[in-house]
N, C-alpha and C. Protein backbone atom coordinates (compact mmCIF):
# COMPACT_ATOMS: atom_id res chain seq x y z
N MET A 1 70.26 237.33 -191.34
CA MET A 1 69.21 236.42 -190.95
C MET A 1 67.83 237.05 -191.21
N ILE A 2 67.69 238.32 -190.83
CA ILE A 2 66.42 239.01 -191.05
C ILE A 2 66.16 239.14 -192.55
N ALA A 3 67.20 239.42 -193.34
CA ALA A 3 67.03 239.53 -194.79
C ALA A 3 66.56 238.21 -195.38
N LEU A 4 67.10 237.09 -194.90
CA LEU A 4 66.68 235.77 -195.38
C LEU A 4 65.22 235.51 -195.03
N PHE A 5 64.83 235.86 -193.80
CA PHE A 5 63.44 235.70 -193.38
C PHE A 5 62.52 236.54 -194.26
N LEU A 6 62.87 237.79 -194.50
CA LEU A 6 62.02 238.67 -195.32
C LEU A 6 61.93 238.17 -196.75
N ALA A 7 63.05 237.68 -197.30
CA ALA A 7 63.04 237.14 -198.66
C ALA A 7 62.17 235.89 -198.73
N SER A 8 62.26 235.02 -197.74
CA SER A 8 61.43 233.81 -197.70
C SER A 8 59.95 234.16 -197.58
N PHE A 9 59.65 235.13 -196.72
CA PHE A 9 58.27 235.57 -196.54
C PHE A 9 57.73 236.16 -197.84
N ALA A 10 58.52 236.97 -198.52
CA ALA A 10 58.09 237.58 -199.79
C ALA A 10 57.84 236.50 -200.84
N LEU A 11 58.71 235.48 -200.91
CA LEU A 11 58.53 234.39 -201.87
C LEU A 11 57.25 233.63 -201.59
N LEU A 12 57.00 233.27 -200.34
CA LEU A 12 55.78 232.54 -199.99
C LEU A 12 54.53 233.37 -200.27
N THR A 13 54.57 234.66 -199.98
CA THR A 13 53.43 235.54 -200.25
C THR A 13 53.15 235.59 -201.75
N THR A 14 54.20 235.72 -202.55
CA THR A 14 54.04 235.73 -204.00
C THR A 14 53.47 234.41 -204.50
N LEU A 15 53.99 233.29 -203.99
CA LEU A 15 53.51 231.97 -204.42
C LEU A 15 52.04 231.77 -204.04
N LEU A 16 51.66 232.20 -202.84
CA LEU A 16 50.26 232.08 -202.42
C LEU A 16 49.35 232.91 -203.30
N THR A 17 49.77 234.12 -203.64
CA THR A 17 48.98 234.97 -204.51
C THR A 17 48.81 234.31 -205.87
N LEU A 18 49.91 233.80 -206.42
CA LEU A 18 49.84 233.14 -207.72
C LEU A 18 48.95 231.91 -207.67
N LEU A 19 49.05 231.13 -206.61
CA LEU A 19 48.27 229.90 -206.52
C LEU A 19 46.78 230.19 -206.47
N ARG A 20 46.38 231.26 -205.80
CA ARG A 20 44.96 231.61 -205.74
C ARG A 20 44.42 231.91 -207.13
N LEU A 21 45.29 232.33 -208.05
CA LEU A 21 44.88 232.70 -209.39
C LEU A 21 44.96 231.53 -210.37
N HIS A 22 45.43 230.38 -209.95
CA HIS A 22 45.58 229.23 -210.84
C HIS A 22 44.22 228.60 -211.18
N LEU A 23 44.07 228.24 -212.44
CA LEU A 23 42.89 227.54 -212.93
C LEU A 23 42.99 226.08 -212.49
N GLY A 24 42.04 225.60 -211.72
CA GLY A 24 42.07 224.22 -211.23
C GLY A 24 41.70 223.23 -212.31
N ILE A 25 42.46 222.13 -212.38
CA ILE A 25 42.21 221.06 -213.35
C ILE A 25 42.35 219.73 -212.62
N ALA A 26 41.37 218.85 -212.76
CA ALA A 26 41.43 217.51 -212.16
C ALA A 26 41.92 216.53 -213.22
N ASN A 27 42.99 215.84 -212.94
CA ASN A 27 43.56 214.83 -213.82
C ASN A 27 43.46 213.49 -213.09
N GLU A 28 42.21 213.08 -212.77
CA GLU A 28 41.96 211.92 -211.92
C GLU A 28 42.62 210.65 -212.44
N ASP A 29 42.53 210.41 -213.73
CA ASP A 29 43.06 209.18 -214.30
C ASP A 29 44.57 209.25 -214.50
N GLY A 30 45.12 210.44 -214.41
CA GLY A 30 46.56 210.60 -214.52
C GLY A 30 47.07 210.47 -215.94
N SER A 31 48.34 210.66 -216.07
CA SER A 31 49.06 210.53 -217.33
C SER A 31 50.30 209.73 -217.01
N HIS A 32 50.09 208.43 -216.79
CA HIS A 32 51.14 207.58 -216.24
C HIS A 32 52.05 206.94 -217.28
N ASP A 33 51.80 207.22 -218.55
CA ASP A 33 52.62 206.68 -219.63
C ASP A 33 53.43 207.83 -220.23
N PRO A 34 54.76 207.75 -220.21
CA PRO A 34 55.55 208.86 -220.74
C PRO A 34 55.29 209.13 -222.22
N ALA A 35 54.75 208.14 -222.95
CA ALA A 35 54.45 208.33 -224.37
C ALA A 35 53.17 209.15 -224.58
N THR A 36 52.33 209.24 -223.53
CA THR A 36 51.08 210.00 -223.63
C THR A 36 50.93 210.94 -222.44
N PRO A 37 51.80 211.95 -222.36
CA PRO A 37 51.73 212.87 -221.22
C PRO A 37 50.49 213.76 -221.29
N PHE A 38 50.12 214.34 -220.15
CA PHE A 38 49.10 215.37 -220.10
C PHE A 38 49.73 216.60 -220.75
N VAL A 39 49.13 217.10 -221.82
CA VAL A 39 49.71 218.23 -222.55
C VAL A 39 49.20 219.54 -221.95
N ILE A 40 50.13 220.39 -221.60
CA ILE A 40 49.83 221.73 -221.10
C ILE A 40 49.96 222.66 -222.30
N ASP A 41 48.81 223.12 -222.82
CA ASP A 41 48.83 223.92 -224.04
C ASP A 41 49.58 225.24 -223.88
N ASP A 42 49.41 225.89 -222.73
CA ASP A 42 50.06 227.18 -222.50
C ASP A 42 50.68 227.17 -221.11
N PRO A 43 51.99 226.89 -221.01
CA PRO A 43 52.61 226.78 -219.69
C PRO A 43 52.76 228.12 -218.96
N THR A 44 52.47 229.23 -219.62
CA THR A 44 52.53 230.52 -218.93
C THR A 44 51.21 230.81 -218.23
N LEU A 45 50.13 230.13 -218.65
CA LEU A 45 48.82 230.29 -218.04
C LEU A 45 48.81 229.59 -216.68
N ALA A 46 48.39 230.28 -215.64
CA ALA A 46 48.42 229.74 -214.28
C ALA A 46 47.41 228.60 -214.15
N GLN A 47 47.91 227.38 -213.88
CA GLN A 47 47.08 226.18 -213.77
C GLN A 47 47.50 225.36 -212.56
N ALA A 48 46.53 224.80 -211.86
CA ALA A 48 46.79 223.89 -210.74
C ALA A 48 46.18 222.55 -211.13
N ILE A 49 47.04 221.59 -211.45
CA ILE A 49 46.60 220.28 -211.95
C ILE A 49 46.71 219.27 -210.82
N TYR A 50 45.57 218.68 -210.46
CA TYR A 50 45.52 217.70 -209.38
C TYR A 50 45.55 216.30 -209.97
N GLY A 51 46.42 215.45 -209.43
CA GLY A 51 46.53 214.07 -209.89
C GLY A 51 46.80 213.15 -208.71
N ARG A 52 46.85 211.83 -209.01
CA ARG A 52 47.11 210.82 -207.98
C ARG A 52 48.29 209.96 -208.38
N LEU A 53 49.05 209.53 -207.37
CA LEU A 53 50.14 208.58 -207.58
C LEU A 53 50.02 207.47 -206.55
N SER A 54 50.53 206.29 -206.93
CA SER A 54 50.51 205.13 -206.04
C SER A 54 51.60 204.17 -206.50
N ALA A 55 51.73 203.04 -205.80
CA ALA A 55 52.70 202.02 -206.22
C ALA A 55 52.35 201.48 -207.60
N ALA A 56 51.06 201.40 -207.92
CA ALA A 56 50.63 200.90 -209.23
C ALA A 56 50.84 201.94 -210.33
N ALA A 57 50.83 203.21 -209.98
CA ALA A 57 51.02 204.31 -210.93
C ALA A 57 51.99 205.30 -210.28
N PRO A 58 53.31 204.99 -210.27
CA PRO A 58 54.27 205.77 -209.49
C PRO A 58 54.74 207.08 -210.12
N SER A 59 54.37 207.33 -211.38
CA SER A 59 54.79 208.57 -212.04
C SER A 59 53.65 209.12 -212.88
N ALA A 60 53.66 210.44 -213.04
CA ALA A 60 52.73 211.12 -213.96
C ALA A 60 53.57 212.06 -214.81
N TYR A 61 53.17 212.21 -216.07
CA TYR A 61 53.97 212.96 -217.03
C TYR A 61 53.16 214.12 -217.60
N TYR A 62 53.83 215.27 -217.72
CA TYR A 62 53.24 216.49 -218.26
C TYR A 62 54.22 217.04 -219.29
N ALA A 63 53.70 217.62 -220.37
CA ALA A 63 54.57 218.13 -221.43
C ALA A 63 54.03 219.42 -222.01
N TRP A 64 54.93 220.24 -222.53
CA TRP A 64 54.57 221.46 -223.25
C TRP A 64 55.74 221.86 -224.13
N SER A 65 55.46 222.77 -225.05
CA SER A 65 56.49 223.32 -225.92
C SER A 65 56.42 224.83 -225.87
N VAL A 66 57.59 225.46 -226.01
CA VAL A 66 57.66 226.92 -226.07
C VAL A 66 58.50 227.31 -227.27
N ALA A 67 58.11 228.40 -227.94
CA ALA A 67 58.81 228.87 -229.13
C ALA A 67 60.01 229.74 -228.78
N GLU A 68 60.07 230.20 -227.54
CA GLU A 68 61.20 231.01 -227.10
C GLU A 68 61.47 230.72 -225.63
N ALA A 69 62.64 231.09 -225.17
CA ALA A 69 62.98 230.89 -223.76
C ALA A 69 62.11 231.82 -222.93
N VAL A 70 61.18 231.26 -222.17
CA VAL A 70 60.24 232.06 -221.37
C VAL A 70 60.32 231.62 -219.92
N GLY A 71 59.82 232.49 -219.06
CA GLY A 71 59.73 232.14 -217.65
C GLY A 71 58.49 231.31 -217.39
N VAL A 72 58.67 230.09 -216.94
CA VAL A 72 57.56 229.21 -216.58
C VAL A 72 57.83 228.72 -215.16
N ARG A 73 56.91 229.03 -214.26
CA ARG A 73 57.07 228.56 -212.88
C ARG A 73 56.40 227.20 -212.74
N ALA A 74 57.01 226.35 -211.94
CA ALA A 74 56.43 225.04 -211.63
C ALA A 74 56.54 224.83 -210.12
N MET A 75 55.44 224.38 -209.52
CA MET A 75 55.42 224.12 -208.08
C MET A 75 54.73 222.78 -207.85
N LEU A 76 55.21 222.03 -206.87
CA LEU A 76 54.55 220.80 -206.45
C LEU A 76 54.05 220.99 -205.03
N LEU A 77 52.76 220.76 -204.84
CA LEU A 77 52.13 220.82 -203.53
C LEU A 77 51.54 219.46 -203.21
N ILE A 78 51.57 219.10 -201.94
CA ILE A 78 50.88 217.90 -201.46
C ILE A 78 49.94 218.35 -200.35
N PRO A 79 48.63 217.99 -200.46
CA PRO A 79 47.72 218.34 -199.37
C PRO A 79 48.25 217.80 -198.04
N GLU A 80 48.09 218.59 -196.98
CA GLU A 80 48.65 218.23 -195.68
C GLU A 80 48.19 216.86 -195.19
N ASN A 81 46.90 216.53 -195.39
CA ASN A 81 46.42 215.22 -194.93
C ASN A 81 47.11 214.07 -195.67
N GLU A 82 47.41 214.27 -196.96
CA GLU A 82 48.13 213.25 -197.73
C GLU A 82 49.58 213.15 -197.22
N TYR A 83 50.17 214.30 -196.95
CA TYR A 83 51.55 214.34 -196.45
C TYR A 83 51.63 213.64 -195.09
N GLN A 84 50.67 213.93 -194.21
CA GLN A 84 50.66 213.31 -192.87
C GLN A 84 50.45 211.80 -192.94
N SER A 85 49.76 211.33 -194.00
CA SER A 85 49.54 209.89 -194.14
C SER A 85 50.75 209.17 -194.76
N GLY A 86 51.82 209.93 -195.05
CA GLY A 86 53.05 209.31 -195.55
C GLY A 86 53.29 209.45 -197.04
N PHE A 87 52.41 210.15 -197.76
CA PHE A 87 52.61 210.33 -199.20
C PHE A 87 53.74 211.32 -199.45
N ARG A 88 54.70 210.91 -200.27
CA ARG A 88 55.83 211.76 -200.64
C ARG A 88 56.00 211.68 -202.15
N ALA A 89 56.30 212.82 -202.76
CA ALA A 89 56.52 212.87 -204.20
C ALA A 89 57.47 214.02 -204.50
N HIS A 90 58.01 214.03 -205.70
CA HIS A 90 58.84 215.14 -206.15
C HIS A 90 58.73 215.26 -207.67
N ILE A 91 59.20 216.40 -208.19
CA ILE A 91 59.18 216.63 -209.64
C ILE A 91 60.59 216.69 -210.19
N VAL A 92 60.69 216.31 -211.47
CA VAL A 92 61.93 216.42 -212.23
C VAL A 92 61.56 217.06 -213.56
N LEU A 93 62.31 218.09 -213.97
CA LEU A 93 62.08 218.79 -215.23
C LEU A 93 63.08 218.33 -216.27
N PHE A 94 62.61 218.12 -217.51
CA PHE A 94 63.45 217.69 -218.62
C PHE A 94 63.22 218.63 -219.79
N GLY A 95 64.26 218.84 -220.59
CA GLY A 95 64.11 219.65 -221.79
C GLY A 95 65.42 220.25 -222.24
N PRO A 96 65.37 221.05 -223.31
CA PRO A 96 66.60 221.65 -223.83
C PRO A 96 67.27 222.55 -222.80
N GLY A 97 68.57 222.41 -222.69
CA GLY A 97 69.31 223.21 -221.73
C GLY A 97 69.43 222.57 -220.36
N PHE A 98 68.68 221.49 -220.11
CA PHE A 98 68.77 220.76 -218.85
C PHE A 98 69.63 219.52 -219.07
N PRO A 99 70.29 219.01 -218.03
CA PRO A 99 71.07 217.77 -218.20
C PRO A 99 70.14 216.60 -218.56
N PRO A 100 70.68 215.54 -219.17
CA PRO A 100 69.85 214.40 -219.58
C PRO A 100 69.04 213.77 -218.44
N GLU A 101 69.58 213.79 -217.21
CA GLU A 101 68.85 213.22 -216.08
C GLU A 101 67.80 214.19 -215.52
N GLY A 102 67.71 215.38 -216.11
CA GLY A 102 66.72 216.36 -215.68
C GLY A 102 67.21 217.21 -214.52
N VAL A 103 66.35 218.13 -214.11
CA VAL A 103 66.63 219.03 -213.00
C VAL A 103 65.61 218.77 -211.91
N THR A 104 66.08 218.52 -210.70
CA THR A 104 65.20 218.31 -209.55
C THR A 104 65.29 219.56 -208.68
N PRO A 105 64.22 220.38 -208.66
CA PRO A 105 64.26 221.59 -207.84
C PRO A 105 64.46 221.26 -206.36
N ALA A 106 65.01 222.23 -205.63
CA ALA A 106 65.25 222.07 -204.20
C ALA A 106 63.95 221.80 -203.46
N MET A 107 64.04 221.03 -202.39
CA MET A 107 62.88 220.71 -201.55
C MET A 107 62.64 221.83 -200.55
N HIS A 108 61.35 222.14 -200.30
CA HIS A 108 60.98 223.19 -199.35
C HIS A 108 60.28 222.63 -198.11
N LEU A 109 59.22 221.86 -198.32
CA LEU A 109 58.39 221.27 -197.26
C LEU A 109 57.70 222.33 -196.40
N ALA A 110 57.49 223.51 -196.95
CA ALA A 110 56.85 224.60 -196.21
C ALA A 110 55.33 224.42 -196.17
N PRO A 111 54.72 224.50 -194.98
CA PRO A 111 53.26 224.43 -194.91
C PRO A 111 52.65 225.75 -195.38
N LEU A 112 51.51 225.67 -196.04
CA LEU A 112 50.78 226.86 -196.44
C LEU A 112 49.30 226.54 -196.57
N THR A 113 48.47 227.55 -196.41
CA THR A 113 47.02 227.37 -196.50
C THR A 113 46.50 228.20 -197.66
N ILE A 114 45.69 227.55 -198.52
CA ILE A 114 45.11 228.20 -199.69
C ILE A 114 43.63 227.88 -199.71
N ALA A 115 42.81 228.91 -199.71
CA ALA A 115 41.35 228.74 -199.77
C ALA A 115 40.86 227.74 -198.72
N GLY A 116 41.40 227.83 -197.52
CA GLY A 116 40.96 226.97 -196.42
C GLY A 116 41.55 225.58 -196.39
N ARG A 117 42.40 225.23 -197.35
CA ARG A 117 43.04 223.91 -197.38
C ARG A 117 44.52 224.08 -197.08
N THR A 118 45.07 223.15 -196.31
CA THR A 118 46.48 223.20 -195.95
C THR A 118 47.26 222.24 -196.84
N TYR A 119 48.37 222.74 -197.36
CA TYR A 119 49.25 221.99 -198.26
C TYR A 119 50.67 222.05 -197.72
N ARG A 120 51.53 221.23 -198.31
CA ARG A 120 52.98 221.36 -198.17
C ARG A 120 53.52 221.78 -199.52
N LEU A 121 54.23 222.89 -199.56
CA LEU A 121 54.94 223.30 -200.77
C LEU A 121 56.20 222.45 -200.81
N ILE A 122 56.25 221.52 -201.74
CA ILE A 122 57.36 220.57 -201.81
C ILE A 122 58.53 221.13 -202.60
N GLN A 123 58.25 221.64 -203.80
CA GLN A 123 59.30 222.16 -204.67
C GLN A 123 58.78 223.32 -205.49
N THR A 124 59.70 224.20 -205.92
CA THR A 124 59.38 225.26 -206.88
C THR A 124 60.55 225.38 -207.86
N HIS A 125 60.20 225.65 -209.11
CA HIS A 125 61.19 225.99 -210.12
C HIS A 125 60.78 227.36 -210.65
N VAL A 126 61.60 228.35 -210.42
CA VAL A 126 61.26 229.72 -210.80
C VAL A 126 62.07 230.24 -211.97
N PRO A 127 63.34 229.84 -212.15
CA PRO A 127 64.13 230.43 -213.24
C PRO A 127 63.47 230.20 -214.60
N PRO A 128 63.75 231.09 -215.56
CA PRO A 128 63.20 230.89 -216.91
C PRO A 128 63.70 229.59 -217.53
N LEU A 129 62.91 229.06 -218.44
CA LEU A 129 63.37 227.89 -219.19
C LEU A 129 64.57 228.31 -220.02
N PRO A 130 65.58 227.44 -220.15
CA PRO A 130 66.83 227.86 -220.78
C PRO A 130 66.77 228.07 -222.29
N ALA A 131 65.81 227.46 -222.99
CA ALA A 131 65.81 227.54 -224.46
C ALA A 131 64.42 227.20 -225.00
N PRO A 132 64.15 227.57 -226.25
CA PRO A 132 62.89 227.11 -226.87
C PRO A 132 62.92 225.60 -227.04
N GLY A 133 61.73 224.98 -227.13
CA GLY A 133 61.68 223.55 -227.37
C GLY A 133 60.62 222.84 -226.55
N ALA A 134 60.72 221.51 -226.53
CA ALA A 134 59.76 220.65 -225.83
C ALA A 134 60.27 220.33 -224.44
N TYR A 135 59.41 220.51 -223.44
CA TYR A 135 59.75 220.25 -222.05
C TYR A 135 58.80 219.21 -221.47
N ARG A 136 59.26 218.59 -220.39
CA ARG A 136 58.47 217.57 -219.72
C ARG A 136 58.71 217.68 -218.23
N ILE A 137 57.66 217.45 -217.44
CA ILE A 137 57.79 217.32 -215.99
C ILE A 137 57.30 215.93 -215.63
N GLU A 138 58.08 215.26 -214.80
CA GLU A 138 57.65 213.98 -214.26
C GLU A 138 57.41 214.17 -212.77
N VAL A 139 56.23 213.79 -212.31
CA VAL A 139 55.92 213.80 -210.88
C VAL A 139 56.13 212.36 -210.43
N ARG A 140 57.03 212.17 -209.47
CA ARG A 140 57.42 210.82 -209.03
C ARG A 140 57.00 210.58 -207.58
N CYS A 141 56.40 209.42 -207.36
CA CYS A 141 56.02 208.99 -206.02
C CYS A 141 57.24 208.42 -205.32
N ASP A 142 57.53 208.94 -204.13
CA ASP A 142 58.65 208.44 -203.34
C ASP A 142 58.19 207.47 -202.25
N ALA A 143 56.98 207.67 -201.74
CA ALA A 143 56.44 206.81 -200.67
C ALA A 143 54.94 206.99 -200.59
N GLY A 144 54.25 205.93 -200.20
CA GLY A 144 52.80 206.00 -200.01
C GLY A 144 52.05 206.21 -201.31
N SER A 145 50.84 206.70 -201.18
CA SER A 145 50.02 207.04 -202.34
C SER A 145 49.15 208.23 -201.95
N GLY A 146 48.78 209.01 -202.95
CA GLY A 146 47.95 210.17 -202.63
C GLY A 146 47.79 211.15 -203.77
N VAL A 147 47.18 212.26 -203.44
CA VAL A 147 46.88 213.34 -204.38
C VAL A 147 47.97 214.40 -204.28
N TYR A 148 48.35 214.93 -205.43
CA TYR A 148 49.31 216.04 -205.49
C TYR A 148 48.69 217.16 -206.32
N CYS A 149 49.30 218.31 -206.26
CA CYS A 149 48.90 219.45 -207.08
C CYS A 149 50.14 220.00 -207.76
N LEU A 150 50.17 219.93 -209.09
CA LEU A 150 51.25 220.48 -209.89
C LEU A 150 50.77 221.83 -210.42
N CYS A 151 51.44 222.89 -210.03
CA CYS A 151 51.08 224.22 -210.48
C CYS A 151 52.10 224.70 -211.50
N VAL A 152 51.62 225.23 -212.61
CA VAL A 152 52.50 225.81 -213.62
C VAL A 152 51.95 227.18 -214.00
N GLY A 153 52.82 228.00 -214.53
CA GLY A 153 52.42 229.29 -215.07
C GLY A 153 52.26 230.38 -214.03
N THR A 154 52.18 231.61 -214.53
CA THR A 154 52.01 232.77 -213.66
C THR A 154 50.93 233.72 -214.15
N ARG A 155 50.53 233.59 -215.41
CA ARG A 155 49.57 234.52 -215.99
C ARG A 155 48.17 234.14 -215.52
N GLU A 156 47.45 235.10 -214.92
CA GLU A 156 46.15 234.83 -214.33
C GLU A 156 45.23 234.13 -215.33
N ALA A 157 44.58 233.08 -214.84
CA ALA A 157 43.77 232.23 -215.71
C ALA A 157 42.29 232.28 -215.38
N GLY A 158 41.91 232.88 -214.30
CA GLY A 158 40.52 232.81 -213.87
C GLY A 158 40.34 231.64 -212.94
N HIS A 159 39.12 231.18 -212.80
CA HIS A 159 38.83 230.11 -211.85
C HIS A 159 38.14 228.96 -212.56
N ALA A 160 38.25 227.78 -211.98
CA ALA A 160 37.58 226.60 -212.53
C ALA A 160 36.08 226.75 -212.34
N ASP A 161 35.32 226.12 -213.23
CA ASP A 161 33.87 226.14 -213.08
C ASP A 161 33.46 225.24 -211.92
N ALA A 162 32.19 225.29 -211.56
CA ALA A 162 31.70 224.55 -210.38
C ALA A 162 31.92 223.05 -210.52
N ALA A 163 31.72 222.49 -211.71
CA ALA A 163 31.90 221.05 -211.90
C ALA A 163 33.36 220.64 -211.68
N MET A 164 34.29 221.44 -212.18
CA MET A 164 35.71 221.13 -212.00
C MET A 164 36.10 221.28 -210.53
N ARG A 165 35.60 222.30 -209.86
CA ARG A 165 35.90 222.47 -208.44
C ARG A 165 35.37 221.28 -207.64
N ALA A 166 34.20 220.76 -208.03
CA ALA A 166 33.63 219.59 -207.34
C ALA A 166 34.50 218.36 -207.58
N ARG A 167 35.01 218.18 -208.80
CA ARG A 167 35.89 217.04 -209.10
C ARG A 167 37.17 217.11 -208.26
N ILE A 168 37.74 218.32 -208.15
CA ILE A 168 38.95 218.50 -207.34
C ILE A 168 38.65 218.22 -205.88
N ALA A 169 37.54 218.73 -205.39
CA ALA A 169 37.15 218.49 -203.99
C ALA A 169 37.00 217.00 -203.72
N ARG A 170 36.40 216.25 -204.64
CA ARG A 170 36.25 214.80 -204.47
C ARG A 170 37.63 214.12 -204.41
N MET A 171 38.55 214.57 -205.23
CA MET A 171 39.91 214.00 -205.20
C MET A 171 40.54 214.26 -203.83
N LEU A 172 40.41 215.50 -203.35
CA LEU A 172 41.03 215.88 -202.09
C LEU A 172 40.37 215.19 -200.90
N GLU A 173 39.11 214.83 -201.04
CA GLU A 173 38.39 214.16 -199.95
C GLU A 173 38.49 212.64 -200.05
N GLY A 174 39.13 212.17 -201.14
CA GLY A 174 39.34 210.73 -201.29
C GLY A 174 38.14 209.95 -201.74
N THR A 175 37.21 210.61 -202.43
CA THR A 175 36.04 209.87 -202.94
C THR A 175 36.10 209.72 -204.43
């Protein structure tokens, strides 16, 4: 039991450290058409992409390609205020080596605070991608509407500029 607690604590500490290093990106208009996903040029670069889902736009699509089987982490966070208002979402990963219906990472629902904001860590995918090729993540709305944060990559990216941070703050504040 103590080993499980220590392993969980170590995982959350690592995820928090990685998240602080993610480059913030606001995707206010979303990528709600699977034919025109938001393209992630470098999925190893640590990025935190903020988007919105609702009944009118219940899914958002993200895509990238890799030339070799590499480790790409993916995490879904929901701001605590959105979670408390009933917003629920999850991610599904698609690509070579995954079943046709995709892979749905296990749910966590762990609360965490990053830079003074409280989130729920909904899901994480940590294992390496199984093969080179084109991959896709679909963020799906399960209930309500709200803002989510899709984090990908582990390689430090720096920080968003002031204008991007302001756009993200406006999304999180609902303006």
